[in-house]
Amino acid sequence: MLLHCVRMESRTPTVAALYGAKVRAVSGVEALDKVRAVPPVARPNRAFMDVLRGVTA
């Protein structure tokens, strides 16, 4: 899977975390922690974080 946006701060890490949560059966926040290992500047906006918090394993 390939994702791209200019700054890799909000949309791309959110989509990657949602995909990772689904594939690895982990919470959205746990998946985001893993995604942040690659682009440490990742900081999804408030609405995206609400979605990630709602994703459970």
N, C-alpha and C. Protein backbone atom coordinates (compact mmCIF):
# COMPACT_ATOMS: atom_id res chain seq x y z
N MET A 1 0.84 -1.17 0.00
CA MET A 1 0.00 0.00 0.00
C MET A 1 0.89 1.24 0.00
N LEU A 2 0.51 2.23 -0.76
CA LEU A 2 1.27 3.46 -0.84
C LEU A 2 0.35 4.64 -0.55
N LEU A 3 0.77 5.47 0.38
CA LEU A 3 0.04 6.69 0.72
C LEU A 3 0.95 7.87 0.51
N HIS A 4 0.37 9.00 0.14
CA HIS A 4 1.21 10.16 -0.07
C HIS A 4 0.43 11.44 0.20
N CYS A 5 1.06 12.34 0.89
CA CYS A 5 0.61 13.73 0.99
C CYS A 5 1.87 14.55 1.26
N VAL A 6 1.77 15.82 1.09
CA VAL A 6 2.97 16.66 1.13
C VAL A 6 3.68 16.63 2.48
N ARG A 7 2.97 16.83 3.57
CA ARG A 7 3.63 16.99 4.86
C ARG A 7 3.59 15.74 5.75
N MET A 8 2.81 14.75 5.43
CA MET A 8 2.69 13.51 6.22
C MET A 8 2.39 13.79 7.69
N GLU A 9 1.51 14.72 7.96
CA GLU A 9 1.21 15.05 9.34
C GLU A 9 -0.14 14.53 9.81
N SER A 10 -1.16 14.56 8.98
CA SER A 10 -2.50 14.26 9.47
C SER A 10 -3.19 13.15 8.68
N ARG A 11 -3.51 13.40 7.43
CA ARG A 11 -4.26 12.41 6.66
C ARG A 11 -3.52 11.10 6.46
N THR A 12 -2.30 11.17 5.97
CA THR A 12 -1.55 9.95 5.67
C THR A 12 -1.34 9.09 6.90
N PRO A 13 -0.85 9.63 8.03
CA PRO A 13 -0.68 8.76 9.20
C PRO A 13 -2.01 8.21 9.74
N THR A 14 -3.09 8.98 9.57
CA THR A 14 -4.39 8.48 10.04
C THR A 14 -4.83 7.28 9.22
N VAL A 15 -4.74 7.39 7.91
CA VAL A 15 -5.14 6.28 7.05
C VAL A 15 -4.23 5.07 7.29
N ALA A 16 -2.93 5.32 7.42
CA ALA A 16 -2.00 4.22 7.69
C ALA A 16 -2.32 3.55 9.03
N ALA A 17 -2.65 4.33 10.04
CA ALA A 17 -2.99 3.77 11.35
C ALA A 17 -4.29 2.98 11.29
N LEU A 18 -5.29 3.48 10.57
CA LEU A 18 -6.54 2.74 10.44
C LEU A 18 -6.32 1.41 9.73
N TYR A 19 -5.52 1.43 8.69
CA TYR A 19 -5.18 0.19 7.98
C TYR A 19 -4.41 -0.75 8.91
N GLY A 20 -3.42 -0.24 9.60
CA GLY A 20 -2.63 -1.07 10.52
C GLY A 20 -3.47 -1.65 11.63
N ALA A 21 -4.41 -0.87 12.16
CA ALA A 21 -5.28 -1.37 13.22
C ALA A 21 -6.12 -2.54 12.71
N LYS A 22 -6.61 -2.41 11.51
CA LYS A 22 -7.44 -3.48 10.93
C LYS A 22 -6.62 -4.73 10.66
N VAL A 23 -5.46 -4.56 10.05
CA VAL A 23 -4.62 -5.70 9.67
C VAL A 23 -4.02 -6.41 10.88
N ARG A 24 -3.61 -5.64 11.88
CA ARG A 24 -2.93 -6.22 13.04
C ARG A 24 -3.85 -6.44 14.24
N ALA A 25 -5.12 -6.08 14.09
CA ALA A 25 -6.11 -6.24 15.16
C ALA A 25 -5.65 -5.56 16.45
N VAL A 26 -5.25 -4.30 16.32
CA VAL A 26 -4.87 -3.50 17.48
C VAL A 26 -5.72 -2.23 17.48
N SER A 27 -5.65 -1.46 18.55
CA SER A 27 -6.42 -0.22 18.60
C SER A 27 -5.85 0.80 17.62
N GLY A 28 -6.65 1.78 17.28
CA GLY A 28 -6.21 2.83 16.38
C GLY A 28 -5.06 3.63 16.96
N VAL A 29 -5.11 3.89 18.27
CA VAL A 29 -4.05 4.66 18.91
C VAL A 29 -2.75 3.85 18.94
N GLU A 30 -2.84 2.56 19.21
CA GLU A 30 -1.64 1.71 19.20
C GLU A 30 -1.03 1.67 17.80
N ALA A 31 -1.87 1.56 16.79
CA ALA A 31 -1.38 1.56 15.41
C ALA A 31 -0.73 2.90 15.08
N LEU A 32 -1.29 4.00 15.55
CA LEU A 32 -0.70 5.31 15.30
C LEU A 32 0.68 5.41 15.94
N ASP A 33 0.85 4.84 17.12
CA ASP A 33 2.18 4.84 17.75
C ASP A 33 3.21 4.16 16.85
N LYS A 34 2.80 3.07 16.22
CA LYS A 34 3.71 2.36 15.30
C LYS A 34 3.99 3.21 14.06
N VAL A 35 2.97 3.87 13.54
CA VAL A 35 3.14 4.72 12.36
C VAL A 35 4.09 5.87 12.68
N ARG A 36 3.98 6.43 13.86
CA ARG A 36 4.82 7.57 14.24
C ARG A 36 6.31 7.22 14.29
N ALA A 37 6.64 5.96 14.31
CA ALA A 37 8.04 5.56 14.28
C ALA A 37 8.68 5.93 12.94
N VAL A 38 7.87 6.05 11.90
CA VAL A 38 8.39 6.38 10.57
C VAL A 38 8.41 7.89 10.36
N PRO A 39 7.23 8.56 10.35
CA PRO A 39 7.29 10.02 10.29
C PRO A 39 6.97 10.58 11.68
N PRO A 40 7.97 10.86 12.49
CA PRO A 40 7.71 11.30 13.86
C PRO A 40 6.94 12.61 13.96
N VAL A 41 6.78 13.32 12.85
CA VAL A 41 6.01 14.56 12.86
C VAL A 41 4.51 14.31 12.76
N ALA A 42 4.12 13.04 12.65
CA ALA A 42 2.70 12.71 12.49
C ALA A 42 1.90 13.20 13.68
N ARG A 43 0.89 14.02 13.40
CA ARG A 43 -0.02 14.46 14.44
C ARG A 43 -1.39 14.71 13.80
N PRO A 44 -2.18 13.64 13.73
CA PRO A 44 -3.51 13.77 13.14
C PRO A 44 -4.33 14.85 13.82
N ASN A 45 -5.18 15.50 13.05
CA ASN A 45 -6.02 16.55 13.63
C ASN A 45 -7.02 15.94 14.62
N ARG A 46 -7.72 16.79 15.33
CA ARG A 46 -8.61 16.34 16.41
C ARG A 46 -9.68 15.37 15.93
N ALA A 47 -10.29 15.65 14.79
CA ALA A 47 -11.34 14.77 14.27
C ALA A 47 -10.78 13.39 13.92
N PHE A 48 -9.59 13.35 13.31
CA PHE A 48 -8.98 12.07 12.98
C PHE A 48 -8.62 11.31 14.25
N MET A 49 -8.12 12.01 15.28
CA MET A 49 -7.77 11.34 16.54
C MET A 49 -9.02 10.74 17.19
N ASP A 50 -10.14 11.43 17.10
CA ASP A 50 -11.39 10.89 17.64
C ASP A 50 -11.75 9.58 16.96
N VAL A 51 -11.54 9.52 15.65
CA VAL A 51 -11.81 8.27 14.91
C VAL A 51 -10.84 7.19 15.38
N LEU A 52 -9.55 7.51 15.47
CA LEU A 52 -8.57 6.50 15.88
C LEU A 52 -8.86 5.99 17.29
N ARG A 53 -9.28 6.86 18.18
CA ARG A 53 -9.61 6.43 19.54
C ARG A 53 -10.81 5.49 19.57
N GLY A 54 -11.67 5.61 18.57
CA GLY A 54 -12.85 4.75 18.51
C GLY A 54 -12.59 3.38 17.94
N VAL A 55 -11.41 3.17 17.37
CA VAL A 55 -11.05 1.87 16.79
C VAL A 55 -10.44 1.01 17.88
N THR A 56 -11.06 -0.12 18.14
CA THR A 56 -10.55 -1.03 19.15
C THR A 56 -10.16 -2.35 18.50
N ALA A 57 -9.32 -3.09 19.18
CA ALA A 57 -8.84 -4.37 18.64
C ALA A 57 -9.94 -5.38 18.55
